[in-house]
Amino acid sequence: MSVVYEAYNRSSLKQEPHTDFIGKWRVEYLAFSAPENAHKVPLIVLGGAFQNFNSYKYCVEQILEAVPVILVDLPSLGNNAQLAPELGMEDLADLLFQWTQRAGLEKVSLMGLSLGSVVASTYAYKRPQAMHKLIVTGILVRPRKSWRMLLEESLKVLDEGRLDEFGQAVVLYLVNHARLKETEITDITRKLFHRQMRGFHENEQQRYRINARRLLEVESILGYPDCDTLVSTGEFDSFTLPFENAQFAARCPNAVFTLIKGADHVAQLEKRDESVAMFRTFLEDGDLHALKGVEVLTKHQCETMERRGEPRYVPLNPNSRVISFSQVDGSIAVDMKVKIRDMGFFGCVLEYEHTDFPLEKHARDLILCPEGTALRIEMLVFEQHDNTMRCLFKHGSFEIAEELKSLLEDKLFFRRPAEKDVAGGEQKVRSIFR
């Protein structure tokens, strides 16, 4: 068996994909090439959690001018409806390698966006002899605890059938609501994305669960590929933070890391021209420094990048309460005074006086109620130290997200961003209780 390339036209991505089986596992693909490029090493584009082949239309059209393009959906990824809960990320990478060998592809370049980045990087690390170039966006070296808690919370919301809230949460974490002015993503686009998530049928819900659990099983990246590698993300990525992508790039022997200006986690949607120009330039060994809208960072810049992506603000009135309701009868189970040390769009640091407060029991059900505001926002507490707790906001409502954003921008409630401790990279604000 060998891949047969087709000529590309505007309706090509709407056709039914070709299907191959590796054992019982189904691999779906479409392969395109221009006649003058058919001899070159192809780029395999891996489908992720929410993309389908049509999502890559502009990318295919532009990159086909440089190299052949093969779109691949592995089981449970992209539009491949085959459920494969027993396959982890490494299993998927091995399955892809088996398919490329059967397809007669001795060497390939790989592109993995977001979820697909883990599969692509694992393939590249394990099969260096089969690799030409690697492109990954939105990748993590070691998933942080707060990120895992968010993913677990999304599964809980989905399992409880709260699809509208689930859809809003997905949009609010993949699209940085605090940076809509910079990314210029439209309300229409966000509403369409929300409609897609809210309308998940049973198979799509199952695939989301499978892919979320695959990610939760990843303790750390298996290894760092030796091939020429492009690592990139949007400068306002709030899901896989820029410093996390930079860490991966810094550990790859032959990687370059770029930030796409004015974009977040879905840079290929918000800054389509810049993203595709970057991909193509890398594949053609061009000069990434010459591209508009793309910043190339040095290894030193990658290693020393600020961890926090969004500013934290100091409240003029730090007084607040955290409350929690009993799941048994709906009565108030927690009502405790706290003080807000600093706060941003995605979370806050709180101080409290009760040393005997059973935080581990309420890490997932606290609601923040800042004094003098109508804001009520649910939180996940991911770290406790002495009398402080570090919290992540549970974003699952466009309305509450906009209320929070407006409050943070209101100088009657918040002053300048909290000062940073340059040595430690953390916020340095004198304790309110001392």
Protein backbone atom coordinates (compact mmCIF):
# COMPACT_ATOMS: atom_id res chain seq x y z
CA MET A 1 0.00 0.00 0.00
CA SER A 2 1.22 3.49 -0.76
CA VAL A 3 -0.37 6.90 -0.52
CA VAL A 4 -1.75 8.22 -3.78
CA TYR A 5 -1.85 12.00 -3.93
CA GLU A 6 -4.83 13.79 -5.40
CA ALA A 7 -4.98 17.17 -7.09
CA TYR A 8 -6.53 19.73 -4.74
CA ASN A 9 -9.64 21.79 -5.52
CA ARG A 10 -12.02 23.83 -3.40
CA SER A 11 -14.35 20.90 -2.72
CA SER A 12 -11.61 18.39 -1.92
CA LEU A 13 -11.91 18.68 1.85
CA LYS A 14 -15.64 17.95 1.76
CA GLN A 15 -15.18 14.48 0.28
CA GLU A 16 -15.22 11.32 2.35
CA PRO A 17 -11.72 10.50 3.62
CA HIS A 18 -9.85 7.38 2.63
CA THR A 19 -9.82 4.70 5.32
CA ASP A 20 -7.06 2.25 6.25
CA PHE A 21 -7.05 -0.23 9.11
CA ILE A 22 -4.09 -1.05 11.33
CA GLY A 23 -5.46 -4.09 13.08
CA LYS A 24 -8.86 -2.97 14.33
CA TRP A 25 -7.94 0.73 14.38
CA ARG A 26 -9.22 3.03 11.66
CA VAL A 27 -6.99 5.72 10.17
CA GLU A 28 -8.74 8.32 8.00
CA TYR A 29 -6.82 10.57 5.63
CA LEU A 30 -6.77 12.81 2.57
CA ALA A 31 -3.54 13.34 0.60
CA PHE A 32 -2.81 16.17 -1.84
CA SER A 33 0.12 17.29 -3.93
CA ALA A 34 0.99 19.50 -6.85
CA PRO A 35 2.80 17.51 -9.59
CA GLU A 36 6.04 19.47 -9.18
CA ASN A 37 6.19 18.73 -5.44
CA ALA A 38 5.14 15.07 -5.31
CA HIS A 39 8.74 13.92 -4.76
CA LYS A 40 9.21 16.05 -1.63
CA VAL A 41 8.81 14.95 1.98
CA PRO A 42 5.10 15.39 2.83
CA LEU A 43 3.66 17.26 5.79
CA ILE A 44 1.24 15.18 7.85
CA VAL A 45 -1.28 17.37 9.69
CA LEU A 46 -2.81 15.64 12.70
CA GLY A 47 -6.41 16.35 13.60
CA GLY A 48 -6.98 17.53 17.18
CA ALA A 49 -9.93 17.57 19.55
CA PHE A 50 -12.20 19.99 17.68
CA GLN A 51 -10.73 20.39 14.20
CA ASN A 52 -11.96 18.61 11.10
CA PHE A 53 -10.23 18.46 7.73
CA ASN A 54 -12.06 21.54 6.54
CA SER A 55 -10.51 23.48 9.44
CA TYR A 56 -7.18 23.29 7.59
CA LYS A 57 -8.47 24.58 4.25
CA TYR A 58 -6.34 27.73 4.10
CA CYS A 59 -3.31 25.91 5.49
CA VAL A 60 -3.56 23.18 2.84
CA GLU A 61 -3.96 25.67 0.00
CA GLN A 62 -0.85 27.61 0.98
CA ILE A 63 1.47 24.79 2.02
CA LEU A 64 0.62 22.70 -1.05
CA GLU A 65 2.66 25.23 -3.01
CA ALA A 66 5.71 24.03 -1.07
CA VAL A 67 5.21 20.35 -0.13
CA PRO A 68 2.58 17.58 -0.31
CA VAL A 69 0.03 17.64 2.53
CA ILE A 70 -1.62 14.64 4.17
CA LEU A 71 -4.47 15.22 6.63
CA VAL A 72 -4.78 12.36 9.14
CA ASP A 73 -7.43 11.61 11.77
CA LEU A 74 -6.46 8.89 14.23
CA PRO A 75 -9.11 7.07 16.31
CA SER A 76 -11.18 9.53 18.41
CA LEU A 77 -9.33 12.54 16.97
CA GLY A 78 -10.67 15.07 14.47
CA ASN A 79 -13.70 13.57 12.73
CA ASN A 80 -12.67 9.96 13.29
CA ALA A 81 -15.66 8.62 15.25
CA GLN A 82 -13.99 5.37 16.30
CA LEU A 83 -13.83 5.28 20.09
CA ALA A 84 -10.47 4.12 21.40
CA PRO A 85 -10.30 4.72 25.18
CA GLU A 86 -7.52 2.15 25.57
CA LEU A 87 -5.12 4.09 23.29
CA GLY A 88 -2.93 6.65 25.05
CA MET A 89 -0.87 9.37 23.41
CA GLU A 90 2.15 7.09 22.88
CA ASP A 91 -0.12 4.39 21.43
CA LEU A 92 -1.49 6.90 18.92
CA ALA A 93 2.03 7.93 17.94
CA ASP A 94 2.96 4.26 17.41
CA LEU A 95 -0.20 3.71 15.38
CA LEU A 96 0.64 6.67 13.17
CA PHE A 97 4.15 5.29 12.60
CA GLN A 98 2.74 1.91 11.57
CA TRP A 99 0.45 3.66 9.12
CA THR A 100 3.23 5.77 7.58
CA GLN A 101 5.33 2.63 7.08
CA ARG A 102 2.47 0.79 5.40
CA ALA A 103 1.79 3.89 3.29
CA GLY A 104 5.36 3.83 1.98
CA LEU A 105 6.35 7.09 3.67
CA GLU A 106 9.99 6.68 4.71
CA LYS A 107 10.27 10.26 5.99
CA VAL A 108 7.61 12.76 6.97
CA SER A 109 7.21 16.18 8.50
CA LEU A 110 4.54 16.43 11.20
CA MET A 111 2.26 19.24 12.35
CA GLY A 112 0.32 18.88 15.59
CA LEU A 113 -1.83 21.70 16.91
CA SER A 114 -2.89 21.68 20.58
CA LEU A 115 -3.93 18.09 21.41
CA GLY A 116 -2.21 16.82 18.27
CA SER A 117 1.09 18.34 19.41
CA VAL A 118 1.62 15.60 22.02
CA VAL A 119 1.13 12.82 19.45
CA ALA A 120 3.36 14.57 16.90
CA SER A 121 6.19 15.27 19.35
CA THR A 122 6.06 11.71 20.71
CA TYR A 123 6.30 10.30 17.18
CA ALA A 124 9.23 12.61 16.39
CA TYR A 125 11.07 11.65 19.60
CA LYS A 126 10.62 7.89 19.15
CA ARG A 127 11.20 7.74 15.37
CA PRO A 128 14.03 10.19 14.57
CA GLN A 129 15.05 8.21 11.48
CA ALA A 130 11.57 8.77 10.00
CA MET A 131 11.42 12.51 10.69
CA HIS A 132 12.19 15.55 8.57
CA LYS A 133 10.62 18.53 10.37
CA LEU A 134 8.22 19.01 13.28
CA ILE A 135 5.70 21.80 13.92
CA VAL A 136 3.85 21.96 17.25
CA THR A 137 1.65 24.65 18.77
CA GLY A 138 0.08 24.72 22.23
CA ILE A 139 2.29 22.10 23.89
CA LEU A 140 3.13 21.42 27.54
CA VAL A 141 6.26 19.93 29.11
CA ARG A 142 4.51 18.90 32.33
CA PRO A 143 0.82 19.74 32.79
CA ARG A 144 0.38 22.07 35.78
CA LYS A 145 -2.03 21.17 38.59
CA SER A 146 -4.41 24.05 37.84
CA TRP A 147 -4.59 22.96 34.17
CA ARG A 148 -5.47 19.40 35.23
CA MET A 149 -8.17 20.70 37.58
CA LEU A 150 -9.72 22.68 34.73
CA LEU A 151 -9.81 19.62 32.51
CA GLU A 152 -11.34 17.53 35.30
CA GLU A 153 -13.95 20.23 35.91
CA SER A 154 -14.90 20.25 32.22
CA LEU A 155 -15.50 16.48 32.41
CA LYS A 156 -17.69 16.96 35.49
CA VAL A 157 -19.80 19.62 33.76
CA LEU A 158 -20.13 17.43 30.65
CA ASP A 159 -21.06 14.33 32.67
CA GLU A 160 -23.79 16.32 34.45
CA GLY A 161 -25.30 17.24 31.09
CA ARG A 162 -24.68 20.99 31.43
CA LEU A 163 -23.82 21.34 27.75
CA ASP A 164 -24.46 25.06 27.45
CA GLU A 165 -22.09 25.77 30.35
CA PHE A 166 -19.60 23.25 28.93
CA GLY A 167 -19.64 25.03 25.58
CA GLN A 168 -19.12 28.45 27.15
CA ALA A 169 -16.27 27.11 29.31
CA VAL A 170 -14.44 25.62 26.31
CA VAL A 171 -14.66 28.91 24.44
CA LEU A 172 -13.60 30.97 27.47
CA TYR A 173 -10.46 28.89 28.03
CA LEU A 174 -9.37 28.45 24.42
CA VAL A 175 -10.23 32.03 23.45
CA ASN A 176 -8.71 34.54 25.88
CA HIS A 177 -11.70 36.69 26.84
CA ALA A 178 -9.45 39.21 28.56
CA ARG A 179 -7.66 39.91 25.26
CA LEU A 180 -10.51 40.17 22.75
CA LYS A 181 -9.39 43.68 21.84
CA GLU A 182 -5.94 42.43 20.84
CA THR A 183 -6.97 39.17 19.15
CA GLU A 184 -9.93 40.78 17.36
CA ILE A 185 -11.87 37.54 17.35
CA THR A 186 -15.50 38.38 16.62
CA ASP A 187 -18.60 37.66 18.67
CA ILE A 188 -19.95 35.69 15.71
CA THR A 189 -16.92 33.41 15.68
CA ARG A 190 -17.12 32.81 19.42
CA LYS A 191 -20.86 32.11 19.21
CA LEU A 192 -20.33 29.60 16.39
CA PHE A 193 -17.62 27.89 18.42
CA HIS A 194 -19.98 27.80 21.42
CA ARG A 195 -22.79 26.37 19.30
CA GLN A 196 -20.47 23.61 18.10
CA MET A 197 -19.51 22.63 21.66
CA ARG A 198 -23.03 22.98 23.04
CA GLY A 199 -24.38 20.77 20.27
CA PHE A 200 -22.05 17.81 20.87
CA HIS A 201 -23.86 14.53 20.15
CA GLU A 202 -23.13 11.41 22.18
CA ASN A 203 -20.18 10.20 20.10
CA GLU A 204 -18.54 13.64 20.23
CA GLN A 205 -19.04 13.77 23.98
CA GLN A 206 -17.42 10.36 24.32
CA ARG A 207 -14.48 11.43 22.19
CA TYR A 208 -14.02 14.54 24.34
CA ARG A 209 -13.95 12.37 27.47
CA ILE A 210 -11.42 10.02 25.88
CA ASN A 211 -9.12 12.82 24.77
CA ALA A 212 -9.36 14.64 28.09
CA ARG A 213 -8.40 11.46 29.94
CA ARG A 214 -5.54 10.89 27.52
CA LEU A 215 -4.21 14.31 28.43
CA LEU A 216 -4.74 13.75 32.15
CA GLU A 217 -2.67 10.56 31.92
CA VAL A 218 0.33 12.49 30.58
CA GLU A 219 2.67 13.10 33.51
CA SER A 220 5.29 14.76 31.31
CA ILE A 221 6.47 14.83 27.72
CA LEU A 222 8.09 11.50 26.79
CA GLY A 223 11.15 13.16 25.29
CA TYR A 224 12.46 15.97 23.12
CA PRO A 225 12.90 15.42 19.37
CA ASP A 226 16.25 15.97 17.63
CA CYS A 227 14.79 17.03 14.27
CA ASP A 228 14.31 20.62 13.15
CA THR A 229 11.38 21.79 15.23
CA LEU A 230 9.13 24.84 15.23
CA VAL A 231 7.30 25.49 18.51
CA SER A 232 4.77 28.30 18.53
CA THR A 233 1.78 29.77 20.27
CA GLY A 234 -0.11 33.04 20.53
CA GLU A 235 1.36 35.67 22.86
CA PHE A 236 -1.92 35.68 24.84
CA ASP A 237 -2.42 31.90 25.03
CA SER A 238 -4.18 31.30 28.35
CA PHE A 239 -4.65 27.53 27.96
CA THR A 240 -1.10 26.34 27.24
CA LEU A 241 0.85 29.33 28.49
CA PRO A 242 3.63 30.81 26.33
CA PHE A 243 6.29 29.95 28.94
CA GLU A 244 5.19 26.28 28.83
CA ASN A 245 5.63 26.18 25.06
CA ALA A 246 8.97 27.97 25.45
CA GLN A 247 10.15 25.37 27.98
CA PHE A 248 9.55 22.61 25.45
CA ALA A 249 11.43 24.52 22.74
CA ALA A 250 14.39 25.21 25.04
CA ARG A 251 14.83 21.48 25.68
CA CYS A 252 14.76 20.44 22.02
CA PRO A 253 18.27 20.43 20.48
CA ASN A 254 17.16 21.96 17.17
CA ALA A 255 14.06 23.98 17.97
CA VAL A 256 13.00 27.55 17.35
CA PHE A 257 10.24 29.18 19.38
CA THR A 258 7.95 31.90 18.05
CA LEU A 259 5.16 33.99 19.50
CA ILE A 260 2.33 34.98 17.19
CA LYS A 261 1.51 38.56 18.06
CA GLY A 262 -2.08 39.46 18.89
CA ALA A 263 -3.19 35.83 19.14
CA ASP A 264 -4.06 33.28 21.83
CA HIS A 265 -4.44 29.47 21.80
CA VAL A 266 -6.34 29.48 18.49
CA ALA A 267 -3.75 31.53 16.61
CA GLN A 268 -4.39 29.75 13.31
CA LEU A 269 -7.97 31.09 13.48
CA GLU A 270 -7.23 34.62 14.70
CA LYS A 271 -3.97 35.25 12.80
CA ARG A 272 -4.41 32.89 9.88
CA ASP A 273 -2.10 34.63 7.40
CA GLU A 274 0.72 35.02 9.92
CA SER A 275 0.40 31.41 11.13
CA VAL A 276 0.41 29.81 7.70
CA ALA A 277 3.22 32.06 6.47
CA MET A 278 5.24 30.93 9.49
CA PHE A 279 4.54 27.23 8.84
CA ARG A 280 5.47 27.50 5.19
CA THR A 281 8.59 29.57 5.83
CA PHE A 282 9.82 26.97 8.32
CA LEU A 283 9.16 24.09 5.92
CA GLU A 284 11.05 25.91 3.16
CA ASP A 285 14.02 26.79 5.42
CA GLY A 286 13.19 30.48 5.15
CA ASP A 287 13.93 33.32 7.56
CA LEU A 288 11.33 33.41 10.33
CA HIS A 289 12.78 36.70 11.59
CA ALA A 290 11.59 38.38 8.39
CA LEU A 291 7.92 37.59 8.98
CA LYS A 292 5.47 40.23 10.14
CA GLY A 293 3.45 39.50 13.25
CA VAL A 294 5.83 36.77 14.45
CA GLU A 295 8.44 37.17 17.18
CA VAL A 296 11.35 34.71 17.29
CA LEU A 297 12.76 34.17 20.78
CA THR A 298 16.27 33.11 21.72
CA LYS A 299 16.94 30.07 23.89
CA HIS A 300 17.81 32.38 26.79
CA GLN A 301 14.49 34.20 26.38
CA CYS A 302 12.70 30.84 26.37
CA GLU A 303 14.41 29.75 29.58
CA THR A 304 13.69 33.01 31.41
CA MET A 305 10.20 33.78 30.14
CA GLU A 306 7.72 35.13 32.72
CA ARG A 307 5.39 32.36 33.88
CA ARG A 308 2.31 34.50 34.37
CA GLY A 309 0.53 35.49 31.19
CA GLU A 310 -1.96 38.05 32.48
CA PRO A 311 -1.51 40.94 34.95
CA ARG A 312 -2.81 40.72 38.49
CA TYR A 313 -4.44 43.79 40.04
CA VAL A 314 -4.56 44.99 43.66
CA PRO A 315 -8.09 45.75 44.95
CA LEU A 316 -8.64 49.08 46.64
CA ASN A 317 -10.97 47.23 49.02
CA PRO A 318 -9.50 43.75 49.65
CA ASN A 319 -12.38 42.58 51.85
CA SER A 320 -14.28 39.61 50.48
CA ARG A 321 -16.00 36.38 51.43
CA VAL A 322 -15.88 32.84 50.14
CA ILE A 323 -19.02 30.77 50.41
CA SER A 324 -20.03 27.23 49.58
CA PHE A 325 -23.37 25.47 49.53
CA SER A 326 -24.15 22.03 50.88
CA GLN A 327 -24.82 19.44 48.20
CA VAL A 328 -27.29 17.75 50.52
CA ASP A 329 -29.81 20.49 51.25
CA GLY A 330 -28.46 23.62 49.59
CA SER A 331 -27.74 25.38 52.86
CA ILE A 332 -24.59 27.46 53.32
CA ALA A 333 -21.74 25.14 54.28
CA VAL A 334 -18.96 27.75 54.22
CA ASP A 335 -19.09 31.50 54.81
CA MET A 336 -15.62 32.82 55.58
CA LYS A 337 -14.01 36.24 55.45
CA VAL A 338 -10.96 36.51 53.19
CA LYS A 339 -8.85 39.30 51.77
CA ILE A 340 -7.91 39.51 48.12
CA ARG A 341 -4.15 39.88 47.79
CA ASP A 342 -4.28 40.22 44.02
CA MET A 343 -6.61 39.22 41.25
CA GLY A 344 -6.70 38.79 37.49
CA PHE A 345 -9.05 37.46 34.86
CA PHE A 346 -8.09 33.83 35.41
CA GLY A 347 -7.58 33.69 39.15
CA CYS A 348 -6.61 35.28 42.44
CA VAL A 349 -4.58 34.91 45.62
CA LEU A 350 -6.59 35.04 48.84
CA GLU A 351 -5.56 35.37 52.49
CA TYR A 352 -7.60 34.00 55.36
CA GLU A 353 -7.26 33.80 59.15
CA HIS A 354 -8.84 30.44 60.01
CA THR A 355 -5.93 28.00 60.23
CA ASP A 356 -8.33 25.09 60.75
CA PHE A 357 -10.28 25.70 57.54
CA PRO A 358 -10.62 22.29 55.73
CA LEU A 359 -9.55 23.58 52.35
CA GLU A 360 -9.03 20.13 50.86
CA LYS A 361 -12.76 19.48 51.37
CA HIS A 362 -13.78 22.66 49.54
CA ALA A 363 -11.06 23.03 46.90
CA ARG A 364 -13.63 22.72 44.11
CA ASP A 365 -16.77 24.37 45.44
CA LEU A 366 -15.88 27.84 46.77
CA ILE A 367 -17.49 31.02 45.42
CA LEU A 368 -15.73 34.38 45.68
CA CYS A 369 -17.88 37.37 46.68
CA PRO A 370 -15.83 40.61 46.67
CA GLU A 371 -17.21 43.28 48.97
CA GLY A 372 -18.92 46.21 47.24
CA THR A 373 -19.53 44.30 44.00
CA ALA A 374 -22.23 42.05 42.60
CA LEU A 375 -19.66 39.59 41.29
CA ARG A 376 -20.08 35.95 42.32
CA ILE A 377 -17.58 33.61 40.69
CA GLU A 378 -16.78 29.96 41.34
CA MET A 379 -13.20 28.88 41.97
CA LEU A 380 -10.81 25.94 42.01
CA VAL A 381 -8.19 26.14 44.76
CA PHE A 382 -5.01 24.52 43.46
CA GLU A 383 -2.46 25.56 46.09
CA GLN A 384 -2.48 26.33 49.80
CA HIS A 385 0.44 27.77 51.78
CA ASP A 386 0.20 28.99 55.38
CA ASN A 387 -2.82 31.31 55.32
CA THR A 388 -3.03 31.86 51.59
CA MET A 389 -4.78 30.06 48.78
CA ARG A 390 -4.12 30.31 45.06
CA CYS A 391 -7.33 30.03 43.08
CA LEU A 392 -8.37 29.56 39.48
CA PHE A 393 -11.71 30.92 38.34
CA LYS A 394 -14.21 28.47 36.85
CA HIS A 395 -15.17 30.26 33.68
CA GLY A 396 -18.41 28.85 32.31
CA SER A 397 -20.50 31.95 31.65
CA PHE A 398 -19.94 34.67 29.07
CA GLU A 399 -21.99 37.04 31.23
CA ILE A 400 -19.92 36.54 34.38
CA ALA A 401 -16.68 36.67 32.36
CA GLU A 402 -17.65 40.06 30.97
CA GLU A 403 -18.67 41.26 34.44
CA LEU A 404 -15.25 40.25 35.81
CA LYS A 405 -13.39 41.85 32.92
CA SER A 406 -15.26 45.13 33.41
CA LEU A 407 -14.58 45.07 37.16
CA LEU A 408 -10.83 44.56 36.67
CA GLU A 409 -10.74 47.52 34.28
CA ASP A 410 -12.61 49.77 36.74
CA LYS A 411 -10.12 52.01 38.60
CA LEU A 412 -12.68 52.51 41.38
CA PHE A 413 -12.09 48.88 42.38
CA PHE A 414 -8.53 48.03 41.28
CA ARG A 415 -5.24 49.86 41.04
CA ARG A 416 -2.05 49.13 39.05
CA PRO A 417 -0.89 45.53 38.48
CA ALA A 418 0.70 43.94 41.53
CA GLU A 419 4.46 44.42 41.66
CA LYS A 420 6.62 41.48 40.68
CA ASP A 421 9.41 39.95 42.65
CA VAL A 422 12.04 39.97 39.90
CA ALA A 423 14.14 37.29 41.57
CA GLY A 424 11.33 34.82 42.06
CA GLY A 425 8.96 35.68 39.24
CA GLU A 426 6.02 35.78 41.64
CA GLN A 427 3.80 38.59 42.85
CA LYS A 428 5.27 40.47 45.83
CA VAL A 429 2.58 42.19 47.86
CA ARG A 430 2.83 42.81 51.61
CA SER A 431 0.45 40.62 53.56
CA ILE A 432 -2.82 42.38 54.31
CA PHE A 433 -3.03 40.66 57.69
CA ARG A 434 0.41 41.88 58.85
